[in-house]
Amino acid sequence: MATMIFKYFKFRDNMFHDNGIILRATPRNNLNDPFEFLPPTILTDKINEIHKKRKTTPPSYQQISQTFFSFHGAISFTESKSNLLMWSHYADEHKGIVLGFDKNHFFFKNLKRVKYDSTIPDEFIEDIDINDNDSLLKLFYLKSDEWIYEKEHRIVQDLIDSEYYIDNKDKKKELVKCINDASTDWKHFFVVPYKALVSVYFGCRMNRDDKKRISAMLATKAKEISIKTFEAIQSKASFRLEFRKFEL
């Protein structure tokens, strides 16, 4: 069984924090697939059906979104470090990086694999209880099978537990310490300890100066941890990436 999980990034100077790697937990409205958490009409029909049986007034989808979906976010990972599409889409067109984590680390205790399907299974909808947060969380783990190449795993976080935030109105985009608070005007971040980081993979288009700068950051911030660094190179024989150890 694989013990590694990966995440693609566009490199940012503030992603390597003193205590670990800064990861954003993204709420529904900021995810790149409009079908996330089911099309609203299907979920609304389910809600209306339940409340009709109970003879109570159903909440609107907007109410549920505002009170639940807007304040929970997904941190996404993948099983693959070498997918060409993800390097292009999520790692700054191969100028970014991929981080490899030990998924047995405590941070990943709630990591779950995304389920892919061409339709929304009836049994999936029937299992949803709008009054049960754990039940609603299941909506984070179902996607169209158009996305199956991503081999995605997710951790879903309550944004009020985030450790840092960036106010969308802040032109400087500075990280601010967060203590038991959340806002739809913020981007929320969690910290993965450096002890969970196993390896770093530099994109085949990343310049050498950035590779050296990242290596120096890791040497400073994760002094007592052995983190392997690799650089991606284009295969000369096929449409794939190969990885070799990065030497300063």
Protein backbone atom coordinates (compact mmCIF):
# COMPACT_ATOMS: atom_id res chain seq x y z
CA MET A 1 0.00 0.00 0.00
CA ALA A 2 1.37 3.42 -1.01
CA THR A 3 2.39 5.63 1.89
CA MET A 4 3.03 8.80 -0.13
CA ILE A 5 0.56 11.51 -1.16
CA PHE A 6 1.39 14.51 -3.34
CA LYS A 7 0.34 18.12 -3.85
CA TYR A 8 1.00 20.40 -6.82
CA PHE A 9 1.81 24.09 -6.28
CA LYS A 10 2.65 27.33 -7.94
CA PHE A 11 5.67 28.34 -5.87
CA ARG A 12 5.09 31.19 -3.39
CA ASP A 13 7.65 32.59 -0.97
CA ASN A 14 5.25 32.37 1.98
CA MET A 15 4.34 28.70 1.49
CA PHE A 16 7.31 27.54 3.57
CA HIS A 17 6.45 28.87 7.02
CA ASP A 18 8.53 28.58 10.18
CA ASN A 19 6.34 25.71 11.45
CA GLY A 20 5.60 23.90 8.21
CA ILE A 21 4.02 24.18 4.77
CA ILE A 22 1.03 26.48 4.36
CA LEU A 23 -1.93 24.81 2.60
CA ARG A 24 -5.21 26.45 1.67
CA ALA A 25 -8.55 24.83 2.52
CA THR A 26 -10.84 25.84 -0.35
CA PRO A 27 -14.63 26.25 0.16
CA ARG A 28 -17.19 25.19 -2.45
CA ASN A 29 -17.55 28.51 -4.25
CA ASN A 30 -13.81 28.68 -4.97
CA LEU A 31 -13.34 25.16 -6.32
CA ASN A 32 -12.81 24.82 -10.07
CA ASP A 33 -15.71 22.44 -10.75
CA PRO A 34 -19.27 23.94 -10.67
CA PHE A 35 -20.68 20.46 -10.04
CA GLU A 36 -18.99 20.16 -6.65
CA PHE A 37 -21.44 19.15 -3.87
CA LEU A 38 -24.10 18.13 -6.40
CA PRO A 39 -26.04 20.44 -8.72
CA PRO A 40 -28.13 22.64 -6.39
CA THR A 41 -31.49 21.57 -7.93
CA ILE A 42 -30.87 17.91 -7.06
CA LEU A 43 -29.92 18.69 -3.49
CA THR A 44 -32.85 21.13 -3.17
CA ASP A 45 -35.29 18.47 -4.38
CA LYS A 46 -33.93 16.09 -1.75
CA ILE A 47 -34.29 18.71 0.99
CA ASN A 48 -37.86 19.55 -0.06
CA GLU A 49 -38.81 15.87 -0.08
CA ILE A 50 -37.53 15.35 3.47
CA HIS A 51 -39.32 18.40 4.86
CA LYS A 52 -42.54 17.54 3.03
CA LYS A 53 -42.64 14.26 4.95
CA ARG A 54 -41.89 16.11 8.19
CA LYS A 55 -44.44 18.87 7.37
CA THR A 56 -41.79 21.49 8.10
CA THR A 57 -40.44 24.42 6.12
CA PRO A 58 -37.27 23.49 4.24
CA PRO A 59 -34.19 25.71 4.35
CA SER A 60 -33.00 27.02 1.01
CA TYR A 61 -29.86 25.69 -0.64
CA GLN A 62 -28.43 29.17 -0.16
CA GLN A 63 -28.98 28.93 3.59
CA ILE A 64 -27.19 25.58 3.73
CA SER A 65 -24.38 26.94 1.59
CA GLN A 66 -23.96 29.99 3.82
CA THR A 67 -24.04 28.06 7.08
CA PHE A 68 -22.10 24.94 6.10
CA PHE A 69 -20.42 24.83 2.68
CA SER A 70 -18.99 28.35 2.94
CA PHE A 71 -17.26 27.50 6.20
CA HIS A 72 -15.77 24.13 5.28
CA GLY A 73 -12.89 23.76 2.86
CA ALA A 74 -11.09 20.99 1.01
CA ILE A 75 -7.32 20.48 0.91
CA SER A 76 -6.62 18.38 -2.17
CA PHE A 77 -3.87 15.82 -2.78
CA THR A 78 -3.15 13.19 -5.40
CA GLU A 79 -1.59 9.75 -5.75
CA SER A 80 0.60 10.87 -8.67
CA LYS A 81 3.62 13.18 -8.87
CA SER A 82 4.06 12.85 -12.63
CA ASN A 83 0.72 13.75 -14.24
CA LEU A 84 1.40 16.14 -17.12
CA LEU A 85 -2.02 17.81 -16.94
CA MET A 86 -1.73 18.55 -13.23
CA TRP A 87 1.79 19.90 -13.67
CA SER A 88 0.33 22.27 -16.26
CA HIS A 89 -2.84 23.24 -14.39
CA TYR A 90 -1.73 23.38 -10.75
CA ALA A 91 2.06 23.80 -10.84
CA ASP A 92 2.40 26.96 -12.91
CA GLU A 93 2.86 25.20 -16.26
CA HIS A 94 5.76 23.10 -14.96
CA LYS A 95 7.46 26.11 -13.32
CA GLY A 96 6.10 25.14 -9.90
CA ILE A 97 6.70 22.24 -7.52
CA VAL A 98 5.17 19.04 -6.19
CA LEU A 99 5.53 18.13 -2.54
CA GLY A 100 5.50 14.50 -1.41
CA PHE A 101 4.07 13.78 2.05
CA ASP A 102 3.98 10.76 4.34
CA LYS A 103 0.26 10.12 4.58
CA ASN A 104 0.77 8.13 7.78
CA HIS A 105 1.55 11.42 9.55
CA PHE A 106 -1.12 12.58 12.01
CA PHE A 107 -2.02 15.57 9.79
CA PHE A 108 -3.53 13.14 7.27
CA LYS A 109 -5.71 11.20 9.70
CA ASN A 110 -8.91 12.38 7.94
CA LEU A 111 -7.62 11.96 4.38
CA LYS A 112 -10.21 10.30 2.13
CA ARG A 113 -10.21 9.25 -1.52
CA VAL A 114 -12.59 11.07 -3.88
CA LYS A 115 -15.21 8.90 -5.59
CA TYR A 116 -15.73 9.46 -9.33
CA ASP A 117 -18.92 8.72 -11.25
CA SER A 118 -20.69 9.73 -14.47
CA THR A 119 -23.97 10.22 -12.61
CA ILE A 120 -24.99 11.03 -9.06
CA PRO A 121 -25.86 7.67 -7.46
CA ASP A 122 -29.37 7.48 -5.94
CA GLU A 123 -28.02 5.80 -2.81
CA PHE A 124 -25.56 8.66 -2.36
CA ILE A 125 -28.35 11.24 -2.34
CA GLU A 126 -30.55 9.09 -0.08
CA ASP A 127 -27.77 8.93 2.51
CA ILE A 128 -27.58 12.72 2.83
CA ASP A 129 -29.07 14.15 6.02
CA ILE A 130 -29.07 17.95 5.86
CA ASN A 131 -29.15 18.15 9.66
CA ASP A 132 -26.03 16.02 10.07
CA ASN A 133 -22.68 17.69 9.37
CA ASP A 134 -20.86 14.36 8.92
CA SER A 135 -23.44 13.41 6.31
CA LEU A 136 -23.04 16.70 4.44
CA LEU A 137 -19.27 16.22 4.42
CA LYS A 138 -19.78 13.29 2.04
CA LEU A 139 -20.59 15.83 -0.66
CA PHE A 140 -16.93 16.84 -0.70
CA TYR A 141 -15.90 13.36 -1.89
CA LEU A 142 -17.97 12.89 -5.07
CA LYS A 143 -16.91 14.24 -8.47
CA SER A 144 -17.58 13.66 -12.16
CA ASP A 145 -15.48 10.89 -13.68
CA GLU A 146 -14.10 13.54 -16.09
CA TRP A 147 -11.69 14.26 -13.22
CA ILE A 148 -10.63 10.68 -12.58
CA TYR A 149 -7.11 11.27 -13.94
CA GLU A 150 -6.40 13.41 -10.86
CA LYS A 151 -6.66 10.43 -8.47
CA GLU A 152 -7.65 12.92 -5.81
CA HIS A 153 -7.73 12.55 -2.03
CA ARG A 154 -9.07 15.25 0.27
CA ILE A 155 -8.99 16.49 3.81
CA VAL A 156 -12.07 18.56 4.69
CA GLN A 157 -11.55 21.18 7.38
CA ASP A 158 -13.84 23.44 9.38
CA LEU A 159 -12.45 26.85 8.44
CA ILE A 160 -12.87 28.17 11.97
CA ASP A 161 -9.97 25.84 12.88
CA SER A 162 -7.62 27.43 10.33
CA GLU A 163 -4.24 28.61 11.57
CA TYR A 164 -3.73 31.55 9.21
CA TYR A 165 -5.74 33.64 6.79
CA ILE A 166 -5.27 36.23 4.07
CA ASP A 167 -7.91 38.93 3.81
CA ASN A 168 -9.03 39.21 0.18
CA LYS A 169 -9.17 42.98 0.63
CA ASP A 170 -5.53 43.16 1.71
CA LYS A 171 -3.47 44.29 -1.28
CA LYS A 172 -0.28 43.04 0.38
CA LYS A 173 -1.77 39.52 0.81
CA GLU A 174 -0.12 39.09 4.21
CA LEU A 175 -0.62 35.95 6.30
CA VAL A 176 -2.38 36.70 9.59
CA LYS A 177 -2.59 34.38 12.61
CA CYS A 178 -6.12 33.07 12.99
CA ILE A 179 -7.71 32.13 16.32
CA ASN A 180 -11.17 30.51 16.25
CA ASP A 181 -12.54 32.72 13.50
CA ALA A 182 -13.59 32.47 9.86
CA SER A 183 -14.91 34.73 7.14
CA THR A 184 -16.07 34.39 3.54
CA ASP A 185 -13.79 37.38 2.83
CA TRP A 186 -10.68 35.38 3.79
CA LYS A 187 -8.56 32.64 2.33
CA HIS A 188 -7.98 30.09 5.11
CA PHE A 189 -4.76 28.14 5.60
CA PHE A 190 -3.55 25.15 7.61
CA VAL A 191 0.03 24.14 8.39
CA VAL A 192 1.50 20.72 7.57
CA PRO A 193 4.51 20.06 9.86
CA TYR A 194 7.83 19.61 8.10
CA LYS A 195 8.07 16.15 9.66
CA ALA A 196 5.33 15.07 7.23
CA LEU A 197 7.32 16.25 4.20
CA VAL A 198 9.35 13.52 2.50
CA SER A 199 10.32 14.94 -0.89
CA VAL A 200 10.19 17.97 -3.18
CA TYR A 201 9.98 17.82 -6.99
CA PHE A 202 10.93 20.87 -9.06
CA GLY A 203 9.14 21.46 -12.36
CA CYS A 204 11.06 20.97 -15.59
CA ARG A 205 10.61 24.67 -16.41
CA MET A 206 11.60 26.02 -12.98
CA ASN A 207 14.76 28.07 -13.13
CA ARG A 208 17.81 26.93 -11.20
CA ASP A 209 17.86 30.01 -8.94
CA ASP A 210 14.37 29.18 -7.62
CA LYS A 211 15.41 25.57 -7.05
CA LYS A 212 18.41 26.72 -5.03
CA ARG A 213 16.29 29.22 -3.09
CA ILE A 214 13.72 26.57 -2.12
CA SER A 215 16.47 24.14 -1.13
CA ALA A 216 18.02 26.84 1.08
CA MET A 217 14.64 27.60 2.70
CA LEU A 218 14.13 23.94 3.55
CA ALA A 219 17.66 23.63 4.92
CA THR A 220 16.95 26.58 7.24
CA LYS A 221 13.37 25.84 8.31
CA ALA A 222 13.54 22.04 8.47
CA LYS A 223 17.08 21.62 9.79
CA GLU A 224 16.64 18.29 11.55
CA ILE A 225 14.63 16.60 8.81
CA SER A 226 16.02 14.80 5.78
CA ILE A 227 13.96 15.98 2.79
CA LYS A 228 14.89 14.67 -0.65
CA THR A 229 14.84 17.08 -3.59
CA PHE A 230 14.39 16.08 -7.23
CA GLU A 231 14.05 17.91 -10.51
CA ALA A 232 11.74 16.87 -13.33
CA ILE A 233 13.20 16.42 -16.79
CA GLN A 234 11.42 15.67 -20.05
CA SER A 235 11.85 12.15 -21.32
CA LYS A 236 13.55 11.93 -24.70
CA ALA A 237 11.67 8.78 -25.63
CA SER A 238 8.05 9.40 -24.56
CA PHE A 239 5.54 11.98 -23.32
CA ARG A 240 6.40 11.66 -19.65
CA LEU A 241 8.53 13.16 -16.92
CA GLU A 242 11.56 11.61 -15.30
CA PHE A 243 13.01 12.68 -11.98
CA ARG A 244 16.62 12.94 -10.94
CA LYS A 245 18.18 14.02 -7.66
CA PHE A 246 18.72 17.75 -7.51
CA GLU A 247 22.29 18.77 -6.82
CA LEU A 248 23.13 22.29 -5.60
